[in-house]
Amino acid sequence: MSLSIEEVNKLKKIPVEGLLPALAQRWSPRSFQTKAVSDNDLKIILEAARWAPSSSNEQPWRFLVGIKGSETHTKIFETLVGFNQGWAGKPHILILGFALQKDSKGNPNRYALYDLGQAASDLVDQASALGLATHSMGGFDHEAIRRAFNLTDDYALGAVIAVGYQDEPSALSNEQMQQREIAPRERKPLSHIALTALDTPFEF
């Protein structure tokens, strides 16, 4: 079964009343066009990340931004696992998020990864609001990317985020990817994650 972009987005939309539109429509496609993202839109999504909250306002996040055709993009792409390389060559932008694990006083920052996650989430949600698609990937060679960018253990690695414009599911190169693209979304029930004790669901 082949679905259009509009059909698959309708299928993936979160069926929860009251969610912000950018959140309800956001999902993680693998089918991307090669169309370029404007510098203005890129700046806006990075500003969204910049203004995220952080513990003690340390702002430990950093983002390596690779535009297709740049050395940074090539370095990030070459560290991706084979499955991700099968689709992630099309998106216009690849971004590696990482976080400084020491605070401004040189002490361990135990909330650095949490804060990076908040910044990355704001980046992704802002991209959704602008009509852009994103897909975050943990499937990359961590040691290779550290070597490529001289990232010491002082930095905790987050994810690689592909940013671009969504394409038709049929544009993907193999059937397995196409089937994932059109599969319904699944999440654990709210009673599984909202609790009042370890084994006691929160009751609304």
N, C-alpha and C. Protein backbone atom coordinates (compact mmCIF):
# COMPACT_ATOMS: atom_id res chain seq x y z
N MET A 1 0.84 -1.19 0.00
CA MET A 1 0.00 0.00 0.00
C MET A 1 0.88 1.25 0.00
N SER A 2 0.61 2.14 -0.92
CA SER A 2 1.37 3.38 -1.01
C SER A 2 0.51 4.54 -0.55
N LEU A 3 1.03 5.33 0.41
CA LEU A 3 0.30 6.48 0.92
C LEU A 3 1.00 7.76 0.50
N SER A 4 0.23 8.81 0.33
CA SER A 4 0.79 10.12 0.04
C SER A 4 1.31 10.74 1.33
N ILE A 5 2.03 11.86 1.22
CA ILE A 5 2.50 12.57 2.40
C ILE A 5 1.32 12.95 3.28
N GLU A 6 0.26 13.48 2.66
CA GLU A 6 -0.91 13.92 3.43
C GLU A 6 -1.57 12.75 4.15
N GLU A 7 -1.67 11.62 3.47
CA GLU A 7 -2.32 10.44 4.07
C GLU A 7 -1.51 9.88 5.23
N VAL A 8 -0.19 9.80 5.06
CA VAL A 8 0.63 9.23 6.14
C VAL A 8 0.69 10.20 7.32
N ASN A 9 0.68 11.50 7.06
CA ASN A 9 0.67 12.46 8.18
C ASN A 9 -0.63 12.40 8.95
N LYS A 10 -1.73 12.18 8.26
CA LYS A 10 -3.02 12.02 8.94
C LYS A 10 -3.01 10.77 9.79
N LEU A 11 -2.42 9.70 9.28
CA LEU A 11 -2.31 8.44 10.02
C LEU A 11 -1.46 8.61 11.28
N LYS A 12 -0.40 9.39 11.18
CA LYS A 12 0.56 9.53 12.28
C LYS A 12 0.15 10.58 13.32
N LYS A 13 -0.80 11.45 12.98
CA LYS A 13 -1.17 12.52 13.89
C LYS A 13 -1.66 11.97 15.22
N ILE A 14 -1.20 12.56 16.32
CA ILE A 14 -1.56 12.08 17.65
C ILE A 14 -3.04 12.38 17.93
N PRO A 15 -3.83 11.37 18.27
CA PRO A 15 -5.27 11.57 18.47
C PRO A 15 -5.61 11.99 19.90
N VAL A 16 -4.98 13.06 20.37
CA VAL A 16 -5.24 13.55 21.72
C VAL A 16 -5.69 15.01 21.62
N GLU A 17 -6.90 15.28 22.04
CA GLU A 17 -7.45 16.63 21.96
C GLU A 17 -6.71 17.57 22.89
N GLY A 18 -6.40 18.76 22.38
CA GLY A 18 -5.80 19.79 23.21
C GLY A 18 -4.30 19.93 23.05
N LEU A 19 -3.64 18.98 22.37
CA LEU A 19 -2.20 19.11 22.15
C LEU A 19 -1.91 20.27 21.21
N LEU A 20 -0.76 20.90 21.41
CA LEU A 20 -0.32 21.91 20.47
C LEU A 20 -0.19 21.29 19.08
N PRO A 21 -0.61 21.99 18.03
CA PRO A 21 -0.55 21.43 16.68
C PRO A 21 0.83 20.90 16.29
N ALA A 22 1.89 21.64 16.64
CA ALA A 22 3.24 21.20 16.28
C ALA A 22 3.59 19.87 16.94
N LEU A 23 3.06 19.64 18.15
CA LEU A 23 3.30 18.38 18.84
C LEU A 23 2.45 17.26 18.25
N ALA A 24 1.20 17.57 17.97
CA ALA A 24 0.28 16.55 17.45
C ALA A 24 0.71 16.04 16.07
N GLN A 25 1.29 16.92 15.27
CA GLN A 25 1.65 16.52 13.91
C GLN A 25 3.08 16.00 13.78
N ARG A 26 3.89 16.19 14.83
CA ARG A 26 5.29 15.79 14.75
C ARG A 26 5.47 14.29 14.81
N TRP A 27 6.20 13.73 13.87
CA TRP A 27 6.64 12.34 13.95
C TRP A 27 7.99 12.27 13.24
N SER A 28 8.54 11.09 13.11
CA SER A 28 9.92 10.97 12.63
C SER A 28 10.00 10.19 11.32
N PRO A 29 9.73 10.85 10.20
CA PRO A 29 9.83 10.15 8.91
C PRO A 29 11.28 9.86 8.54
N ARG A 30 11.45 8.92 7.64
CA ARG A 30 12.76 8.66 7.06
C ARG A 30 12.82 9.07 5.60
N SER A 31 11.67 9.34 5.03
CA SER A 31 11.62 9.73 3.63
C SER A 31 11.72 11.26 3.53
N PHE A 32 12.84 11.73 3.00
CA PHE A 32 13.09 13.16 2.90
C PHE A 32 13.35 13.56 1.46
N GLN A 33 12.97 14.79 1.14
CA GLN A 33 13.36 15.40 -0.11
C GLN A 33 14.78 15.95 0.02
N THR A 34 15.39 16.27 -1.10
CA THR A 34 16.70 16.90 -1.08
C THR A 34 16.59 18.43 -1.01
N LYS A 35 15.38 18.94 -0.97
CA LYS A 35 15.13 20.38 -0.93
C LYS A 35 15.86 21.04 0.24
N ALA A 36 16.45 22.19 -0.03
CA ALA A 36 17.22 22.91 0.98
C ALA A 36 16.31 23.60 2.00
N VAL A 37 16.76 23.63 3.23
CA VAL A 37 16.11 24.39 4.28
C VAL A 37 16.71 25.80 4.28
N SER A 38 15.87 26.81 4.39
CA SER A 38 16.37 28.19 4.34
C SER A 38 17.23 28.50 5.58
N ASP A 39 18.17 29.42 5.39
CA ASP A 39 19.00 29.86 6.52
C ASP A 39 18.14 30.44 7.63
N ASN A 40 17.07 31.13 7.25
CA ASN A 40 16.21 31.74 8.26
C ASN A 40 15.51 30.68 9.10
N ASP A 41 14.98 29.64 8.46
CA ASP A 41 14.32 28.57 9.22
C ASP A 41 15.32 27.83 10.11
N LEU A 42 16.53 27.61 9.59
CA LEU A 42 17.55 26.95 10.39
C LEU A 42 17.89 27.80 11.62
N LYS A 43 18.02 29.09 11.42
CA LYS A 43 18.33 29.98 12.55
C LYS A 43 17.22 29.94 13.58
N ILE A 44 15.96 29.91 13.14
CA ILE A 44 14.83 29.90 14.08
C ILE A 44 14.83 28.62 14.92
N ILE A 45 15.07 27.47 14.29
CA ILE A 45 15.04 26.24 15.08
C ILE A 45 16.22 26.18 16.06
N LEU A 46 17.35 26.76 15.68
CA LEU A 46 18.48 26.80 16.62
C LEU A 46 18.24 27.82 17.73
N GLU A 47 17.53 28.91 17.42
CA GLU A 47 17.14 29.86 18.46
C GLU A 47 16.20 29.19 19.46
N ALA A 48 15.30 28.34 18.96
CA ALA A 48 14.40 27.62 19.86
C ALA A 48 15.20 26.78 20.85
N ALA A 49 16.25 26.14 20.36
CA ALA A 49 17.12 25.35 21.24
C ALA A 49 17.88 26.26 22.21
N ARG A 50 18.35 27.39 21.71
CA ARG A 50 19.14 28.30 22.54
C ARG A 50 18.36 28.79 23.75
N TRP A 51 17.06 28.99 23.59
CA TRP A 51 16.25 29.56 24.66
C TRP A 51 15.58 28.50 25.54
N ALA A 52 16.01 27.27 25.42
CA ALA A 52 15.47 26.21 26.28
C ALA A 52 15.92 26.43 27.72
N PRO A 53 15.16 25.91 28.69
CA PRO A 53 15.58 26.03 30.10
C PRO A 53 16.71 25.07 30.42
N SER A 54 17.49 25.43 31.44
CA SER A 54 18.57 24.53 31.88
C SER A 54 18.85 24.73 33.35
N SER A 55 19.39 23.72 33.98
CA SER A 55 19.73 23.78 35.40
C SER A 55 20.76 24.88 35.65
N SER A 56 20.44 25.79 36.56
CA SER A 56 21.32 26.92 36.90
C SER A 56 21.68 27.76 35.68
N ASN A 57 20.86 27.68 34.65
CA ASN A 57 21.08 28.42 33.41
C ASN A 57 22.47 28.15 32.82
N GLU A 58 22.97 26.91 32.98
CA GLU A 58 24.29 26.56 32.46
C GLU A 58 24.31 26.44 30.93
N GLN A 59 23.16 26.09 30.33
CA GLN A 59 23.08 25.96 28.87
C GLN A 59 24.22 25.08 28.32
N PRO A 60 24.28 23.82 28.76
CA PRO A 60 25.42 22.97 28.41
C PRO A 60 25.39 22.41 27.00
N TRP A 61 24.29 22.60 26.29
CA TRP A 61 24.14 22.00 24.96
C TRP A 61 25.01 22.69 23.92
N ARG A 62 25.42 21.90 22.95
CA ARG A 62 26.12 22.38 21.76
C ARG A 62 25.56 21.60 20.58
N PHE A 63 25.55 22.21 19.40
CA PHE A 63 25.04 21.55 18.21
C PHE A 63 26.01 21.75 17.05
N LEU A 64 26.52 20.65 16.54
CA LEU A 64 27.34 20.69 15.32
C LEU A 64 26.37 20.62 14.14
N VAL A 65 26.37 21.65 13.32
CA VAL A 65 25.39 21.79 12.24
C VAL A 65 26.05 21.48 10.90
N GLY A 66 25.60 20.42 10.26
CA GLY A 66 26.15 20.03 8.96
C GLY A 66 25.16 20.26 7.84
N ILE A 67 25.47 21.20 6.95
CA ILE A 67 24.66 21.43 5.76
C ILE A 67 25.15 20.51 4.66
N LYS A 68 24.23 19.92 3.91
CA LYS A 68 24.60 18.96 2.88
C LYS A 68 25.65 19.57 1.94
N GLY A 69 26.73 18.84 1.72
CA GLY A 69 27.83 19.32 0.90
C GLY A 69 28.98 19.86 1.71
N SER A 70 28.75 20.08 3.02
CA SER A 70 29.81 20.61 3.89
C SER A 70 30.62 19.47 4.50
N GLU A 71 31.79 19.81 5.01
CA GLU A 71 32.64 18.82 5.66
C GLU A 71 31.98 18.27 6.92
N THR A 72 31.30 19.15 7.64
CA THR A 72 30.63 18.72 8.87
C THR A 72 29.54 17.69 8.56
N HIS A 73 28.75 17.94 7.53
CA HIS A 73 27.71 17.00 7.13
C HIS A 73 28.32 15.65 6.77
N THR A 74 29.39 15.69 5.99
CA THR A 74 30.05 14.45 5.57
C THR A 74 30.57 13.66 6.76
N LYS A 75 31.20 14.35 7.70
CA LYS A 75 31.74 13.67 8.88
C LYS A 75 30.64 13.01 9.70
N ILE A 76 29.54 13.73 9.89
CA ILE A 76 28.43 13.15 10.66
C ILE A 76 27.85 11.96 9.91
N PHE A 77 27.60 12.13 8.61
CA PHE A 77 26.99 11.06 7.82
C PHE A 77 27.85 9.79 7.84
N GLU A 78 29.15 9.95 7.74
CA GLU A 78 30.04 8.78 7.67
C GLU A 78 30.05 7.98 8.96
N THR A 79 29.60 8.55 10.07
CA THR A 79 29.57 7.80 11.33
C THR A 79 28.25 7.06 11.55
N LEU A 80 27.25 7.34 10.70
CA LEU A 80 25.94 6.68 10.87
C LEU A 80 26.04 5.20 10.55
N VAL A 81 25.23 4.38 11.24
CA VAL A 81 25.17 2.96 10.92
C VAL A 81 24.56 2.79 9.52
N GLY A 82 24.80 1.62 8.93
CA GLY A 82 24.39 1.39 7.55
C GLY A 82 22.92 1.64 7.28
N PHE A 83 22.04 1.21 8.20
CA PHE A 83 20.61 1.40 7.99
C PHE A 83 20.28 2.88 7.87
N ASN A 84 20.86 3.68 8.76
CA ASN A 84 20.59 5.12 8.72
C ASN A 84 21.21 5.79 7.49
N GLN A 85 22.37 5.29 7.07
CA GLN A 85 22.96 5.85 5.86
C GLN A 85 22.09 5.58 4.64
N GLY A 86 21.23 4.55 4.74
CA GLY A 86 20.35 4.22 3.63
C GLY A 86 19.30 5.27 3.33
N TRP A 87 19.05 6.18 4.29
CA TRP A 87 18.05 7.23 4.05
C TRP A 87 18.52 8.62 4.42
N ALA A 88 19.51 8.73 5.32
CA ALA A 88 19.86 10.03 5.88
C ALA A 88 20.79 10.86 4.99
N GLY A 89 21.04 10.40 3.78
CA GLY A 89 21.83 11.20 2.86
C GLY A 89 21.01 12.27 2.16
N LYS A 90 19.70 12.15 2.21
CA LYS A 90 18.83 13.12 1.52
C LYS A 90 18.54 14.39 2.32
N PRO A 91 18.26 14.31 3.62
CA PRO A 91 17.94 15.53 4.35
C PRO A 91 19.03 16.59 4.20
N HIS A 92 18.61 17.84 4.13
CA HIS A 92 19.54 18.94 3.88
C HIS A 92 20.49 19.19 5.05
N ILE A 93 20.05 18.83 6.26
CA ILE A 93 20.83 19.16 7.46
C ILE A 93 20.95 17.94 8.37
N LEU A 94 22.15 17.73 8.90
CA LEU A 94 22.39 16.76 9.96
C LEU A 94 22.99 17.52 11.13
N ILE A 95 22.42 17.35 12.30
CA ILE A 95 22.87 18.08 13.49
C ILE A 95 23.24 17.07 14.58
N LEU A 96 24.42 17.21 15.14
CA LEU A 96 24.82 16.39 16.29
C LEU A 96 24.70 17.22 17.55
N GLY A 97 23.89 16.74 18.50
CA GLY A 97 23.75 17.40 19.79
C GLY A 97 24.68 16.76 20.81
N PHE A 98 25.34 17.58 21.60
CA PHE A 98 26.16 17.07 22.69
C PHE A 98 26.17 18.09 23.81
N ALA A 99 26.67 17.69 24.98
CA ALA A 99 26.56 18.56 26.15
C ALA A 99 27.84 18.53 26.98
N LEU A 100 28.23 19.70 27.45
CA LEU A 100 29.38 19.82 28.35
C LEU A 100 28.98 19.28 29.71
N GLN A 101 29.76 18.31 30.22
CA GLN A 101 29.38 17.63 31.46
C GLN A 101 29.92 18.29 32.73
N LYS A 102 30.57 19.44 32.57
CA LYS A 102 31.02 20.20 33.73
C LYS A 102 30.37 21.57 33.70
N ASP A 103 30.06 22.10 34.89
CA ASP A 103 29.44 23.41 34.95
C ASP A 103 30.48 24.51 34.88
N SER A 104 30.05 25.74 35.00
CA SER A 104 30.96 26.87 34.85
C SER A 104 32.01 26.95 35.95
N LYS A 105 31.79 26.19 37.05
CA LYS A 105 32.77 26.15 38.14
C LYS A 105 33.67 24.93 38.05
N GLY A 106 33.49 24.13 36.99
CA GLY A 106 34.32 22.94 36.82
C GLY A 106 33.81 21.71 37.52
N ASN A 107 32.62 21.81 38.11
CA ASN A 107 32.02 20.67 38.81
C ASN A 107 31.18 19.84 37.85
N PRO A 108 30.97 18.55 38.17
CA PRO A 108 30.13 17.72 37.29
C PRO A 108 28.72 18.29 37.18
N ASN A 109 28.21 18.35 35.98
CA ASN A 109 26.84 18.80 35.74
C ASN A 109 25.99 17.56 35.49
N ARG A 110 25.29 17.13 36.51
CA ARG A 110 24.51 15.89 36.42
C ARG A 110 23.24 16.05 35.60
N TYR A 111 22.93 17.26 35.21
CA TYR A 111 21.71 17.50 34.45
C TYR A 111 22.00 17.89 33.00
N ALA A 112 23.24 17.73 32.59
CA ALA A 112 23.64 18.17 31.25
C ALA A 112 22.86 17.46 30.15
N LEU A 113 22.73 16.15 30.25
CA LEU A 113 22.00 15.41 29.22
C LEU A 113 20.51 15.74 29.24
N TYR A 114 19.97 15.92 30.44
CA TYR A 114 18.56 16.32 30.54
C TYR A 114 18.35 17.66 29.84
N ASP A 115 19.24 18.59 30.10
CA ASP A 115 19.12 19.91 29.49
C ASP A 115 19.31 19.86 27.98
N LEU A 116 20.24 19.04 27.52
CA LEU A 116 20.40 18.85 26.07
C LEU A 116 19.11 18.31 25.48
N GLY A 117 18.47 17.37 26.18
CA GLY A 117 17.22 16.80 25.69
C GLY A 117 16.13 17.85 25.56
N GLN A 118 16.08 18.79 26.54
CA GLN A 118 15.09 19.86 26.45
C GLN A 118 15.36 20.76 25.24
N ALA A 119 16.62 21.09 25.03
CA ALA A 119 16.97 21.95 23.91
C ALA A 119 16.68 21.27 22.58
N ALA A 120 17.03 19.98 22.49
CA ALA A 120 16.77 19.24 21.27
C ALA A 120 15.27 19.11 21.00
N SER A 121 14.49 18.90 22.06
CA SER A 121 13.05 18.80 21.90
C SER A 121 12.46 20.11 21.39
N ASP A 122 12.95 21.23 21.93
CA ASP A 122 12.46 22.52 21.45
C ASP A 122 12.84 22.74 19.99
N LEU A 123 14.04 22.32 19.61
CA LEU A 123 14.49 22.43 18.22
C LEU A 123 13.56 21.65 17.30
N VAL A 124 13.27 20.42 17.68
CA VAL A 124 12.43 19.54 16.87
C VAL A 124 11.00 20.07 16.77
N ASP A 125 10.46 20.53 17.89
CA ASP A 125 9.08 21.04 17.88
C ASP A 125 8.97 22.33 17.06
N GLN A 126 9.99 23.18 17.13
CA GLN A 126 9.98 24.40 16.33
C GLN A 126 10.06 24.05 14.84
N ALA A 127 10.87 23.06 14.52
CA ALA A 127 10.96 22.62 13.12
C ALA A 127 9.60 22.14 12.63
N SER A 128 8.88 21.39 13.47
CA SER A 128 7.55 20.92 13.11
C SER A 128 6.61 22.09 12.85
N ALA A 129 6.69 23.12 13.69
CA ALA A 129 5.83 24.28 13.53
C ALA A 129 6.11 25.02 12.23
N LEU A 130 7.33 24.89 11.71
CA LEU A 130 7.72 25.54 10.46
C LEU A 130 7.45 24.67 9.23
N GLY A 131 6.87 23.49 9.45
CA GLY A 131 6.59 22.60 8.33
C GLY A 131 7.76 21.73 7.92
N LEU A 132 8.77 21.64 8.77
CA LEU A 132 9.93 20.80 8.50
C LEU A 132 9.77 19.44 9.17
N ALA A 133 10.45 18.45 8.63
CA ALA A 133 10.47 17.12 9.22
C ALA A 133 11.81 16.90 9.90
N THR A 134 11.79 16.11 10.97
CA THR A 134 13.02 15.77 11.68
C THR A 134 13.02 14.29 12.02
N HIS A 135 14.20 13.74 12.19
CA HIS A 135 14.32 12.36 12.66
C HIS A 135 15.60 12.28 13.49
N SER A 136 15.45 11.92 14.75
CA SER A 136 16.59 11.80 15.66
C SER A 136 17.13 10.38 15.64
N MET A 137 18.46 10.27 15.64
CA MET A 137 19.10 8.96 15.50
C MET A 137 20.14 8.72 16.60
N GLY A 138 20.04 7.55 17.23
CA GLY A 138 21.10 7.10 18.13
C GLY A 138 22.04 6.15 17.42
N GLY A 139 21.68 5.77 16.19
CA GLY A 139 22.46 4.79 15.44
C GLY A 139 23.63 5.42 14.71
N PHE A 140 24.69 5.70 15.48
CA PHE A 140 25.93 6.18 14.89
C PHE A 140 27.10 5.70 15.74
N ASP A 141 28.29 5.71 15.18
CA ASP A 141 29.48 5.24 15.86
C ASP A 141 29.98 6.35 16.78
N HIS A 142 29.78 6.19 18.06
CA HIS A 142 30.11 7.25 19.01
C HIS A 142 31.61 7.56 19.04
N GLU A 143 32.42 6.52 19.01
CA GLU A 143 33.87 6.76 19.04
C GLU A 143 34.34 7.43 17.76
N ALA A 144 33.76 7.04 16.63
CA ALA A 144 34.15 7.65 15.35
C ALA A 144 33.78 9.12 15.31
N ILE A 145 32.64 9.45 15.85
CA ILE A 145 32.23 10.86 15.81
C ILE A 145 33.04 11.69 16.79
N ARG A 146 33.45 11.08 17.90
CA ARG A 146 34.34 11.78 18.82
C ARG A 146 35.68 12.08 18.14
N ARG A 147 36.20 11.09 17.42
CA ARG A 147 37.47 11.31 16.72
C ARG A 147 37.32 12.37 15.63
N ALA A 148 36.21 12.32 14.91
CA ALA A 148 36.01 13.23 13.78
C ALA A 148 35.97 14.68 14.22
N PHE A 149 35.44 14.93 15.42
CA PHE A 149 35.27 16.31 15.88
C PHE A 149 36.07 16.63 17.15
N ASN A 150 37.00 15.74 17.50
CA ASN A 150 37.85 15.95 18.68
C ASN A 150 37.03 16.21 19.94
N LEU A 151 36.00 15.40 20.13
CA LEU A 151 35.14 15.52 21.30
C LEU A 151 35.66 14.61 22.42
N THR A 152 36.14 15.22 23.48
CA THR A 152 36.67 14.45 24.60
C THR A 152 35.53 13.92 25.47
N ASP A 153 35.90 13.19 26.50
CA ASP A 153 34.90 12.66 27.43
C ASP A 153 34.26 13.76 28.27
N ASP A 154 34.75 14.99 28.14
CA ASP A 154 34.10 16.10 28.83
C ASP A 154 32.72 16.37 28.25
N TYR A 155 32.46 15.82 27.07
CA TYR A 155 31.19 16.04 26.39
C TYR A 155 30.38 14.74 26.34
N ALA A 156 29.10 14.82 26.71
CA ALA A 156 28.19 13.69 26.58
C ALA A 156 27.49 13.80 25.23
N LEU A 157 27.45 12.71 24.51
CA LEU A 157 26.82 12.72 23.19
C LEU A 157 25.31 12.51 23.30
N GLY A 158 24.58 13.27 22.50
CA GLY A 158 23.14 13.07 22.40
C GLY A 158 22.82 12.29 21.15
N ALA A 159 22.02 12.87 20.28
CA ALA A 159 21.60 12.20 19.05
C ALA A 159 21.98 13.03 17.83
N VAL A 160 21.95 12.37 16.68
CA VAL A 160 22.05 13.07 15.41
C VAL A 160 20.62 13.34 14.93
N ILE A 161 20.35 14.57 14.56
CA ILE A 161 19.01 14.97 14.12
C ILE A 161 19.05 15.34 12.65
N ALA A 162 18.29 14.62 11.83
CA ALA A 162 18.12 14.99 10.43
C ALA A 162 17.00 16.00 10.31
N VAL A 163 17.23 17.05 9.52
CA VAL A 163 16.24 18.11 9.33
C VAL A 163 16.06 18.38 7.84
N GLY A 164 14.82 18.39 7.39
CA GLY A 164 14.57 18.67 5.99
C GLY A 164 13.09 18.68 5.69
N TYR A 165 12.76 18.36 4.45
CA TYR A 165 11.37 18.33 4.01
C TYR A 165 10.95 16.89 3.71
N GLN A 166 9.79 16.52 4.22
CA GLN A 166 9.28 15.17 4.07
C GLN A 166 8.99 14.84 2.61
N ASP A 167 9.22 13.58 2.24
CA ASP A 167 8.90 13.09 0.91
C ASP A 167 7.88 11.95 1.02
N GLU A 168 7.39 11.50 -0.14
CA GLU A 168 6.45 10.39 -0.17
C GLU A 168 7.10 9.13 0.40
N PRO A 169 6.35 8.28 1.11
CA PRO A 169 6.92 7.03 1.61
C PRO A 169 7.53 6.17 0.51
N SER A 170 6.93 6.20 -0.68
CA SER A 170 7.42 5.38 -1.79
C SER A 170 8.79 5.79 -2.28
N ALA A 171 9.28 6.98 -1.84
CA ALA A 171 10.61 7.45 -2.26
C ALA A 171 11.73 6.74 -1.52
N LEU A 172 11.39 6.00 -0.46
CA LEU A 172 12.42 5.26 0.28
C LEU A 172 12.95 4.11 -0.55
N SER A 173 14.18 3.72 -0.25
CA SER A 173 14.90 2.80 -1.14
C SER A 173 14.55 1.33 -0.96
N ASN A 174 13.96 0.95 0.16
CA ASN A 174 13.63 -0.47 0.32
C ASN A 174 12.28 -0.64 1.01
N GLU A 175 11.73 -1.83 0.89
CA GLU A 175 10.38 -2.10 1.36
C GLU A 175 10.27 -2.03 2.88
N GLN A 176 11.31 -2.47 3.59
CA GLN A 176 11.27 -2.43 5.05
C GLN A 176 11.09 -0.99 5.54
N MET A 177 11.84 -0.07 4.96
CA MET A 177 11.70 1.33 5.34
C MET A 177 10.32 1.87 4.99
N GLN A 178 9.82 1.48 3.83
CA GLN A 178 8.50 1.94 3.41
C GLN A 178 7.42 1.46 4.38
N GLN A 179 7.52 0.21 4.83
CA GLN A 179 6.53 -0.33 5.76
C GLN A 179 6.58 0.39 7.10
N ARG A 180 7.78 0.71 7.57
CA ARG A 180 7.91 1.47 8.81
C ARG A 180 7.29 2.86 8.66
N GLU A 181 7.43 3.42 7.48
CA GLU A 181 6.96 4.78 7.24
C GLU A 181 5.45 4.88 7.35
N ILE A 182 4.74 3.83 6.97
CA ILE A 182 3.28 3.90 6.95
C ILE A 182 2.62 3.12 8.09
N ALA A 183 3.45 2.59 8.99
CA ALA A 183 2.89 1.83 10.13
C ALA A 183 2.26 2.79 11.14
N PRO A 184 1.13 2.40 11.74
CA PRO A 184 0.50 3.24 12.78
C PRO A 184 1.46 3.45 13.95
N ARG A 185 1.31 4.57 14.62
CA ARG A 185 2.15 4.88 15.78
C ARG A 185 1.65 4.11 17.00
N GLU A 186 2.57 3.75 17.88
CA GLU A 186 2.22 3.05 19.11
C GLU A 186 2.91 3.69 20.29
N ARG A 187 2.23 3.79 21.40
CA ARG A 187 2.81 4.28 22.64
C ARG A 187 2.26 3.46 23.81
N LYS A 188 3.04 3.37 24.88
CA LYS A 188 2.55 2.74 26.09
C LYS A 188 1.40 3.57 26.64
N PRO A 189 0.45 2.93 27.34
CA PRO A 189 -0.68 3.70 27.88
C PRO A 189 -0.21 4.67 28.95
N LEU A 190 -0.97 5.74 29.13
CA LEU A 190 -0.63 6.75 30.12
C LEU A 190 -0.52 6.16 31.52
N SER A 191 -1.33 5.14 31.79
CA SER A 191 -1.31 4.49 33.11
C SER A 191 0.02 3.78 33.38
N HIS A 192 0.79 3.56 32.32
CA HIS A 192 2.08 2.88 32.45
C HIS A 192 3.19 3.86 32.83
N ILE A 193 2.99 5.14 32.55
CA ILE A 193 4.07 6.11 32.78
C ILE A 193 3.74 7.17 33.83
N ALA A 194 2.45 7.41 34.10
CA ALA A 194 2.05 8.39 35.10
C ALA A 194 1.67 7.64 36.37
N LEU A 195 2.47 7.80 37.44
CA LEU A 195 2.35 6.95 38.62
C LEU A 195 2.27 7.78 39.89
N THR A 196 1.75 7.16 40.94
CA THR A 196 1.84 7.75 42.27
C THR A 196 2.79 6.93 43.15
N ALA A 197 3.10 5.73 42.74
CA ALA A 197 4.10 4.86 43.34
C ALA A 197 4.60 3.97 42.21
N LEU A 198 5.66 3.23 42.47
CA LEU A 198 6.31 2.48 41.40
C LEU A 198 5.35 1.60 40.62
N ASP A 199 4.40 0.97 41.30
CA ASP A 199 3.45 0.08 40.64
C ASP A 199 2.01 0.58 40.72
N THR A 200 1.84 1.88 40.95
CA THR A 200 0.50 2.42 41.11
C THR A 200 0.25 3.54 40.10
N PRO A 201 -0.62 3.32 39.11
CA PRO A 201 -0.92 4.37 38.14
C PRO A 201 -1.58 5.58 38.79
N PHE A 202 -1.26 6.74 38.28
CA PHE A 202 -1.96 7.95 38.69
C PHE A 202 -3.38 7.90 38.15
N GLU A 203 -4.34 8.28 38.96
CA GLU A 203 -5.74 8.27 38.52
C GLU A 203 -6.25 9.68 38.31
N PHE A 204 -6.82 9.93 37.13
CA PHE A 204 -7.37 11.24 36.79
C PHE A 204 -8.81 11.35 37.28
